[in-house]
Amino acid sequence: MKTPLTSACRHCRHYTPEGRRGGVCDLLSVPVQSQWKACSLAVSAFGLSWENIEIGRLQEQTVMQEPVVTVAERNAYQWTGRALT
């Protein structure tokens, strides 16, 4: 198993402090103590965000589609007041 990048729950991105010493793991939706050893799902609060990396990959793979209605057709319909079908 991989060693987590953080040593304790309080250093994890998913940790939200509540009260004096405790908090909540937003990923698991459970109460945790800040001094507990971090689990294998821990992510550093200041590390790279995997969500941003995935979004970047998706944007690169996005295929541009030709418009179904051209700009000229759209403008013509707006001038006449007819609905596009």
PDB file of N, CA and C in Angstrom:
ATOM      1  N   MET A   1       0.840  -1.179   0.000  1.00  0.00           N
ATOM      2  CA  MET A   1       0.000   0.000   0.000  1.00  0.00           C
ATOM      3  C   MET A   1       0.882   1.238   0.000  1.00  0.00           C
ATOM      4  N   LYS A   2       0.420   2.285  -0.673  1.00  0.00           N
ATOM      5  CA  LYS A   2       1.156   3.526  -0.768  1.00  0.00           C
ATOM      6  C   LYS A   2       1.150   4.283   0.552  1.00  0.00           C
ATOM      7  N   THR A   3       2.256   4.945   0.870  1.00  0.00           N
ATOM      8  CA  THR A   3       2.322   5.775   2.058  1.00  0.00           C
ATOM      9  C   THR A   3       1.669   7.118   1.752  1.00  0.00           C
ATOM     10  N   PRO A   4       0.770   7.592   2.638  1.00  0.00           N
ATOM     11  CA  PRO A   4       0.129   8.879   2.364  1.00  0.00           C
ATOM     12  C   PRO A   4       1.135  10.023   2.406  1.00  0.00           C
ATOM     13  N   LEU A   5       0.847  11.084   1.666  1.00  0.00           N
ATOM     14  CA  LEU A   5       1.725  12.245   1.628  1.00  0.00           C
ATOM     15  C   LEU A   5       1.616  13.083   2.892  1.00  0.00           C
ATOM     16  N   THR A   6       0.549  12.910   3.651  1.00  0.00           N
ATOM     17  CA  THR A   6       0.370  13.656   4.885  1.00  0.00           C
ATOM     18  C   THR A   6       0.511  12.721   6.064  1.00  0.00           C
ATOM     19  N   SER A   7       0.959  13.256   7.197  1.00  0.00           N
ATOM     20  CA  SER A   7       1.199  12.408   8.358  1.00  0.00           C
ATOM     21  C   SER A   7      -0.007  12.312   9.282  1.00  0.00           C
ATOM     22  N   ALA A   8      -0.856  13.325   9.301  1.00  0.00           N
ATOM     23  CA  ALA A   8      -2.007  13.341  10.200  1.00  0.00           C
ATOM     24  C   ALA A   8      -3.223  13.908   9.473  1.00  0.00           C
ATOM     25  N   CYS A   9      -4.391  13.621  10.010  1.00  0.00           N
ATOM     26  CA  CYS A   9      -5.636  14.099   9.398  1.00  0.00           C
ATOM     27  C   CYS A   9      -5.645  15.614   9.240  1.00  0.00           C
ATOM     28  N   ARG A  10      -5.097  16.341  10.210  1.00  0.00           N
ATOM     29  CA  ARG A  10      -5.154  17.811  10.161  1.00  0.00           C
ATOM     30  C   ARG A  10      -4.392  18.398   8.982  1.00  0.00           C
ATOM     31  N   HIS A  11      -3.498  17.615   8.354  1.00  0.00           N
ATOM     32  CA  HIS A  11      -2.731  18.096   7.206  1.00  0.00           C
ATOM     33  C   HIS A  11      -3.355  17.678   5.870  1.00  0.00           C
ATOM     34  N   CYS A  12      -4.488  17.014   5.934  1.00  0.00           N
ATOM     35  CA  CYS A  12      -5.138  16.501   4.724  1.00  0.00           C
ATOM     36  C   CYS A  12      -6.077  17.544   4.123  1.00  0.00           C
ATOM     37  N   ARG A  13      -6.178  17.539   2.817  1.00  0.00           N
ATOM     38  CA  ARG A  13      -7.070  18.461   2.098  1.00  0.00           C
ATOM     39  C   ARG A  13      -8.535  18.214   2.452  1.00  0.00           C
ATOM     40  N   HIS A  14      -8.889  17.000   2.813  1.00  0.00           N
ATOM     41  CA  HIS A  14     -10.281  16.640   3.081  1.00  0.00           C
ATOM     42  C   HIS A  14     -10.699  16.921   4.517  1.00  0.00           C
ATOM     43  N   TYR A  15      -9.779  17.387   5.359  1.00  0.00           N
ATOM     44  CA  TYR A  15     -10.055  17.643   6.771  1.00  0.00           C
ATOM     45  C   TYR A  15     -10.628  19.043   6.963  1.00  0.00           C
ATOM     46  N   THR A  16     -11.757  19.125   7.678  1.00  0.00           N
ATOM     47  CA  THR A  16     -12.352  20.406   8.052  1.00  0.00           C
ATOM     48  C   THR A  16     -12.431  20.450   9.570  1.00  0.00           C
ATOM     49  N   PRO A  17     -11.728  21.392  10.201  1.00  0.00           N
ATOM     50  CA  PRO A  17     -11.742  21.448  11.668  1.00  0.00           C
ATOM     51  C   PRO A  17     -13.108  21.861  12.211  1.00  0.00           C
ATOM     52  N   GLU A  18     -13.467  21.243  13.324  1.00  0.00           N
ATOM     53  CA  GLU A  18     -14.688  21.586  14.051  1.00  0.00           C
ATOM     54  C   GLU A  18     -14.386  21.450  15.527  1.00  0.00           C
ATOM     55  N   GLY A  19     -14.630  22.485  16.280  1.00  0.00           N
ATOM     56  CA  GLY A  19     -14.364  22.423  17.711  1.00  0.00           C
ATOM     57  C   GLY A  19     -12.895  22.607  18.022  1.00  0.00           C
ATOM     58  N   ARG A  20     -12.462  22.083  19.181  1.00  0.00           N
ATOM     59  CA  ARG A  20     -11.082  22.298  19.630  1.00  0.00           C
ATOM     60  C   ARG A  20     -10.066  21.356  19.002  1.00  0.00           C
ATOM     61  N   ARG A  21     -10.338  20.070  19.038  1.00  0.00           N
ATOM     62  CA  ARG A  21      -9.343  19.109  18.538  1.00  0.00           C
ATOM     63  C   ARG A  21      -9.846  18.218  17.422  1.00  0.00           C
ATOM     64  N   GLY A  22     -11.105  18.245  17.183  1.00  0.00           N
ATOM     65  CA  GLY A  22     -11.678  17.342  16.196  1.00  0.00           C
ATOM     66  C   GLY A  22     -11.996  18.019  14.885  1.00  0.00           C
ATOM     67  N   GLY A  23     -12.563  17.240  14.018  1.00  0.00           N
ATOM     68  CA  GLY A  23     -12.945  17.752  12.715  1.00  0.00           C
ATOM     69  C   GLY A  23     -13.724  16.702  11.954  1.00  0.00           C
ATOM     70  N   VAL A  24     -13.894  16.956  10.672  1.00  0.00           N
ATOM     71  CA  VAL A  24     -14.653  16.046   9.818  1.00  0.00           C
ATOM     72  C   VAL A  24     -13.839  15.747   8.575  1.00  0.00           C
ATOM     73  N   CYS A  25     -13.839  14.485   8.182  1.00  0.00           N
ATOM     74  CA  CYS A  25     -13.249  14.099   6.906  1.00  0.00           C
ATOM     75  C   CYS A  25     -14.344  14.299   5.861  1.00  0.00           C
ATOM     76  N   ASP A  26     -14.155  15.286   4.980  1.00  0.00           N
ATOM     77  CA  ASP A  26     -15.166  15.582   3.964  1.00  0.00           C
ATOM     78  C   ASP A  26     -15.297  14.464   2.936  1.00  0.00           C
ATOM     79  N   LEU A  27     -14.235  13.718   2.725  1.00  0.00           N
ATOM     80  CA  LEU A  27     -14.264  12.633   1.749  1.00  0.00           C
ATOM     81  C   LEU A  27     -15.119  11.466   2.240  1.00  0.00           C
ATOM     82  N   LEU A  28     -14.962  11.126   3.521  1.00  0.00           N
ATOM     83  CA  LEU A  28     -15.682   9.990   4.087  1.00  0.00           C
ATOM     84  C   LEU A  28     -16.920  10.399   4.881  1.00  0.00           C
ATOM     85  N   SER A  29     -17.078  11.706   5.136  1.00  0.00           N
ATOM     86  CA  SER A  29     -18.200  12.239   5.925  1.00  0.00           C
ATOM     87  C   SER A  29     -18.273  11.605   7.307  1.00  0.00           C
ATOM     88  N   VAL A  30     -17.122  11.555   7.982  1.00  0.00           N
ATOM     89  CA  VAL A  30     -17.054  10.989   9.327  1.00  0.00           C
ATOM     90  C   VAL A  30     -16.264  11.927  10.231  1.00  0.00           C
ATOM     91  N   PRO A  31     -16.573  11.920  11.547  1.00  0.00           N
ATOM     92  CA  PRO A  31     -15.776  12.722  12.473  1.00  0.00           C
ATOM     93  C   PRO A  31     -14.395  12.096  12.669  1.00  0.00           C
ATOM     94  N   VAL A  32     -13.366  12.934  12.761  1.00  0.00           N
ATOM     95  CA  VAL A  32     -11.995  12.469  12.979  1.00  0.00           C
ATOM     96  C   VAL A  32     -11.307  13.391  13.975  1.00  0.00           C
ATOM     97  N   GLN A  33     -10.223  12.908  14.554  1.00  0.00           N
ATOM     98  CA  GLN A  33      -9.385  13.720  15.431  1.00  0.00           C
ATOM     99  C   GLN A  33      -8.220  14.244  14.614  1.00  0.00           C
ATOM    100  N   SER A  34      -7.826  15.491  14.863  1.00  0.00           N
ATOM    101  CA  SER A  34      -6.774  16.111  14.056  1.00  0.00           C
ATOM    102  C   SER A  34      -5.444  15.385  14.169  1.00  0.00           C
ATOM    103  N   GLN A  35      -5.168  14.760  15.317  1.00  0.00           N
ATOM    104  CA  GLN A  35      -3.872  14.111  15.518  1.00  0.00           C
ATOM    105  C   GLN A  35      -3.832  12.667  15.016  1.00  0.00           C
ATOM    106  N   TRP A  36      -4.945  12.144  14.537  1.00  0.00           N
ATOM    107  CA  TRP A  36      -4.954  10.774  14.032  1.00  0.00           C
ATOM    108  C   TRP A  36      -4.023  10.633  12.839  1.00  0.00           C
ATOM    109  N   LYS A  37      -3.454   9.429  12.709  1.00  0.00           N
ATOM    110  CA  LYS A  37      -2.607   9.121  11.563  1.00  0.00           C
ATOM    111  C   LYS A  37      -3.459   9.169  10.294  1.00  0.00           C
ATOM    112  N   ALA A  38      -2.916   9.769   9.253  1.00  0.00           N
ATOM    113  CA  ALA A  38      -3.661   9.920   8.000  1.00  0.00           C
ATOM    114  C   ALA A  38      -3.908   8.567   7.343  1.00  0.00           C
ATOM    115  N   CYS A  39      -5.046   8.448   6.698  1.00  0.00           N
ATOM    116  CA  CYS A  39      -5.385   7.202   6.005  1.00  0.00           C
ATOM    117  C   CYS A  39      -4.756   7.183   4.611  1.00  0.00           C
ATOM    118  N   SER A  40      -4.966   6.104   3.888  1.00  0.00           N
ATOM    119  CA  SER A  40      -4.372   5.966   2.551  1.00  0.00           C
ATOM    120  C   SER A  40      -5.039   6.876   1.519  1.00  0.00           C
ATOM    121  N   LEU A  41      -6.177   7.479   1.859  1.00  0.00           N
ATOM    122  CA  LEU A  41      -6.864   8.395   0.949  1.00  0.00           C
ATOM    123  C   LEU A  41      -6.431   9.847   1.143  1.00  0.00           C
ATOM    124  N   ALA A  42      -5.532  10.090   2.087  1.00  0.00           N
ATOM    125  CA  ALA A  42      -5.112  11.455   2.413  1.00  0.00           C
ATOM    126  C   ALA A  42      -4.418  12.125   1.237  1.00  0.00           C
ATOM    127  N   VAL A  43      -4.704  13.414   1.071  1.00  0.00           N
ATOM    128  CA  VAL A  43      -4.103  14.225   0.019  1.00  0.00           C
ATOM    129  C   VAL A  43      -3.566  15.485   0.676  1.00  0.00           C
ATOM    130  N   SER A  44      -2.358  15.849   0.346  1.00  0.00           N
ATOM    131  CA  SER A  44      -1.753  17.046   0.911  1.00  0.00           C
ATOM    132  C   SER A  44      -2.595  18.273   0.577  1.00  0.00           C
ATOM    133  N   ALA A  45      -2.746  19.154   1.551  1.00  0.00           N
ATOM    134  CA  ALA A  45      -3.546  20.367   1.347  1.00  0.00           C
ATOM    135  C   ALA A  45      -2.933  21.292   0.312  1.00  0.00           C
ATOM    136  N   PHE A  46      -1.626  21.184   0.098  1.00  0.00           N
ATOM    137  CA  PHE A  46      -0.948  22.084  -0.832  1.00  0.00           C
ATOM    138  C   PHE A  46      -0.365  21.363  -2.035  1.00  0.00           C
ATOM    139  N   GLY A  47      -0.735  20.106  -2.220  1.00  0.00           N
ATOM    140  CA  GLY A  47      -0.225  19.336  -3.354  1.00  0.00           C
ATOM    141  C   GLY A  47      -1.002  19.630  -4.622  1.00  0.00           C
ATOM    142  N   LEU A  48      -0.644  18.932  -5.690  1.00  0.00           N
ATOM    143  CA  LEU A  48      -1.362  19.073  -6.952  1.00  0.00           C
ATOM    144  C   LEU A  48      -2.793  18.591  -6.793  1.00  0.00           C
ATOM    145  N   SER A  49      -3.668  19.214  -7.472  1.00  0.00           N
ATOM    146  CA  SER A  49      -5.064  18.817  -7.440  1.00  0.00           C
ATOM    147  C   SER A  49      -5.344  17.884  -8.611  1.00  0.00           C
ATOM    148  N   TRP A  50      -5.722  16.644  -8.326  1.00  0.00           N
ATOM    149  CA  TRP A  50      -6.008  15.676  -9.386  1.00  0.00           C
ATOM    150  C   TRP A  50      -7.218  16.109 -10.191  1.00  0.00           C
ATOM    151  N   GLU A  51      -8.151  16.837  -9.543  1.00  0.00           N
ATOM    152  CA  GLU A  51      -9.318  17.304 -10.281  1.00  0.00           C
ATOM    153  C   GLU A  51      -8.891  18.232 -11.416  1.00  0.00           C
ATOM    154  N   ASN A  52      -7.960  19.143 -11.137  1.00  0.00           N
ATOM    155  CA  ASN A  52      -7.508  20.077 -12.170  1.00  0.00           C
ATOM    156  C   ASN A  52      -6.796  19.345 -13.302  1.00  0.00           C
ATOM    157  N   ILE A  53      -6.031  18.324 -12.969  1.00  0.00           N
ATOM    158  CA  ILE A  53      -5.331  17.555 -13.995  1.00  0.00           C
ATOM    159  C   ILE A  53      -6.346  16.845 -14.888  1.00  0.00           C
ATOM    160  N   GLU A  54      -7.376  16.253 -14.273  1.00  0.00           N
ATOM    161  CA  GLU A  54      -8.401  15.560 -15.050  1.00  0.00           C
ATOM    162  C   GLU A  54      -9.157  16.538 -15.941  1.00  0.00           C
ATOM    163  N   ILE A  55      -9.474  17.717 -15.438  1.00  0.00           N
ATOM    164  CA  ILE A  55     -10.176  18.715 -16.244  1.00  0.00           C
ATOM    165  C   ILE A  55      -9.327  19.101 -17.441  1.00  0.00           C
ATOM    166  N   GLY A  56      -8.024  19.273 -17.218  1.00  0.00           N
ATOM    167  CA  GLY A  56      -7.129  19.610 -18.321  1.00  0.00           C
ATOM    168  C   GLY A  56      -7.121  18.536 -19.389  1.00  0.00           C
ATOM    169  N   ARG A  57      -7.117  17.292 -18.978  1.00  0.00           N
ATOM    170  CA  ARG A  57      -7.144  16.190 -19.949  1.00  0.00           C
ATOM    171  C   ARG A  57      -8.442  16.189 -20.741  1.00  0.00           C
ATOM    172  N   LEU A  58      -9.546  16.431 -20.042  1.00  0.00           N
ATOM    173  CA  LEU A  58     -10.837  16.445 -20.728  1.00  0.00           C
ATOM    174  C   LEU A  58     -10.914  17.594 -21.720  1.00  0.00           C
ATOM    175  N   GLN A  59     -10.362  18.743 -21.358  1.00  0.00           N
ATOM    176  CA  GLN A  59     -10.392  19.876 -22.272  1.00  0.00           C
ATOM    177  C   GLN A  59      -9.570  19.593 -23.518  1.00  0.00           C
ATOM    178  N   GLU A  60      -8.449  18.885 -23.366  1.00  0.00           N
ATOM    179  CA  GLU A  60      -7.622  18.543 -24.521  1.00  0.00           C
ATOM    180  C   GLU A  60      -8.350  17.585 -25.455  1.00  0.00           C
ATOM    181  N   GLN A  61      -9.190  16.720 -24.882  1.00  0.00           N
ATOM    182  CA  GLN A  61      -9.868  15.707 -25.675  1.00  0.00           C
ATOM    183  C   GLN A  61     -11.197  16.194 -26.260  1.00  0.00           C
ATOM    184  N   THR A  62     -11.630  17.388 -25.882  1.00  0.00           N
ATOM    185  CA  THR A  62     -12.908  17.903 -26.358  1.00  0.00           C
ATOM    186  C   THR A  62     -12.871  18.081 -27.865  1.00  0.00           C
ATOM    187  N   VAL A  63     -13.886  17.560 -28.505  1.00  0.00           N
ATOM    188  CA  VAL A  63     -13.977  17.647 -29.960  1.00  0.00           C
ATOM    189  C   VAL A  63     -14.898  18.811 -30.307  1.00  0.00           C
ATOM    190  N   MET A  64     -14.424  19.664 -31.194  1.00  0.00           N
ATOM    191  CA  MET A  64     -15.255  20.786 -31.636  1.00  0.00           C
ATOM    192  C   MET A  64     -16.253  20.277 -32.669  1.00  0.00           C
ATOM    193  N   GLN A  65     -17.520  20.618 -32.478  1.00  0.00           N
ATOM    194  CA  GLN A  65     -18.559  20.206 -33.411  1.00  0.00           C
ATOM    195  C   GLN A  65     -18.986  21.399 -34.251  1.00  0.00           C
ATOM    196  N   GLU A  66     -19.377  21.108 -35.466  1.00  0.00           N
ATOM    197  CA  GLU A  66     -19.897  22.148 -36.339  1.00  0.00           C
ATOM    198  C   GLU A  66     -21.252  22.601 -35.804  1.00  0.00           C
ATOM    199  N   PRO A  67     -21.551  23.887 -35.851  1.00  0.00           N
ATOM    200  CA  PRO A  67     -22.851  24.350 -35.365  1.00  0.00           C
ATOM    201  C   PRO A  67     -23.977  23.810 -36.243  1.00  0.00           C
ATOM    202  N   VAL A  68     -25.078  23.469 -35.610  1.00  0.00           N
ATOM    203  CA  VAL A  68     -26.234  22.961 -36.337  1.00  0.00           C
ATOM    204  C   VAL A  68     -26.890  24.100 -37.110  1.00  0.00           C
ATOM    205  N   VAL A  69     -26.899  25.282 -36.510  1.00  0.00           N
ATOM    206  CA  VAL A  69     -27.469  26.465 -37.146  1.00  0.00           C
ATOM    207  C   VAL A  69     -26.335  27.460 -37.329  1.00  0.00           C
ATOM    208  N   THR A  70     -26.188  27.979 -38.513  1.00  0.00           N
ATOM    209  CA  THR A  70     -25.127  28.954 -38.756  1.00  0.00           C
ATOM    210  C   THR A  70     -25.507  30.292 -38.128  1.00  0.00           C
ATOM    211  N   VAL A  71     -24.524  31.144 -37.964  1.00  0.00           N
ATOM    212  CA  VAL A  71     -24.762  32.463 -37.388  1.00  0.00           C
ATOM    213  C   VAL A  71     -25.720  33.259 -38.262  1.00  0.00           C
ATOM    214  N   ALA A  72     -25.555  33.170 -39.570  1.00  0.00           N
ATOM    215  CA  ALA A  72     -26.440  33.894 -40.494  1.00  0.00           C
ATOM    216  C   ALA A  72     -27.885  33.430 -40.341  1.00  0.00           C
ATOM    217  N   GLU A  73     -28.091  32.118 -40.222  1.00  0.00           N
ATOM    218  CA  GLU A  73     -29.445  31.591 -40.044  1.00  0.00           C
ATOM    219  C   GLU A  73     -30.041  32.063 -38.720  1.00  0.00           C
ATOM    220  N   ARG A  74     -29.223  32.028 -37.671  1.00  0.00           N
ATOM    221  CA  ARG A  74     -29.695  32.466 -36.362  1.00  0.00           C
ATOM    222  C   ARG A  74     -30.106  33.933 -36.404  1.00  0.00           C
ATOM    223  N   ASN A  75     -29.271  34.774 -37.005  1.00  0.00           N
ATOM    224  CA  ASN A  75     -29.588  36.198 -37.093  1.00  0.00           C
ATOM    225  C   ASN A  75     -30.850  36.438 -37.914  1.00  0.00           C
ATOM    226  N   ALA A  76     -31.024  35.693 -38.993  1.00  0.00           N
ATOM    227  CA  ALA A  76     -32.218  35.841 -39.832  1.00  0.00           C
ATOM    228  C   ALA A  76     -33.472  35.514 -39.040  1.00  0.00           C
ATOM    229  N   TYR A  77     -33.423  34.463 -38.238  1.00  0.00           N
ATOM    230  CA  TYR A  77     -34.575  34.095 -37.429  1.00  0.00           C
ATOM    231  C   TYR A  77     -34.843  35.132 -36.346  1.00  0.00           C
ATOM    232  N   GLN A  78     -33.799  35.720 -35.778  1.00  0.00           N
ATOM    233  CA  GLN A  78     -33.994  36.747 -34.758  1.00  0.00           C
ATOM    234  C   GLN A  78     -34.677  37.978 -35.347  1.00  0.00           C
ATOM    235  N   TRP A  79     -34.331  38.346 -36.584  1.00  0.00           N
ATOM    236  CA  TRP A  79     -34.934  39.521 -37.226  1.00  0.00           C
ATOM    237  C   TRP A  79     -36.398  39.280 -37.560  1.00  0.00           C
ATOM    238  N   THR A  80     -36.734  38.059 -37.941  1.00  0.00           N
ATOM    239  CA  THR A  80     -38.117  37.781 -38.342  1.00  0.00           C
ATOM    240  C   THR A  80     -38.996  37.419 -37.159  1.00  0.00           C
ATOM    241  N   GLY A  81     -38.384  37.047 -36.023  1.00  0.00           N
ATOM    242  CA  GLY A  81     -39.163  36.687 -34.842  1.00  0.00           C
ATOM    243  C   GLY A  81     -39.652  35.259 -34.852  1.00  0.00           C
ATOM    244  N   ARG A  82     -39.247  34.480 -35.837  1.00  0.00           N
ATOM    245  CA  ARG A  82     -39.649  33.074 -35.898  1.00  0.00           C
ATOM    246  C   ARG A  82     -38.768  32.246 -34.968  1.00  0.00           C
ATOM    247  N   ALA A  83     -39.289  31.137 -34.527  1.00  0.00           N
ATOM    248  CA  ALA A  83     -38.538  30.241 -33.652  1.00  0.00           C
ATOM    249  C   ALA A  83     -37.698  29.289 -34.486  1.00  0.00           C
ATOM    250  N   LEU A  84     -36.537  28.947 -33.960  1.00  0.00           N
ATOM    251  CA  LEU A  84     -35.688  27.959 -34.631  1.00  0.00           C
ATOM    252  C   LEU A  84     -36.268  26.578 -34.412  1.00  0.00           C
ATOM    253  N   THR A  85     -36.278  25.761 -35.447  1.00  0.00           N
ATOM    254  CA  THR A  85     -36.798  24.398 -35.307  1.00  0.00           C
ATOM    255  C   THR A  85     -35.747  23.411 -35.701  1.00  0.00           C
TER     256      THR A  85
END
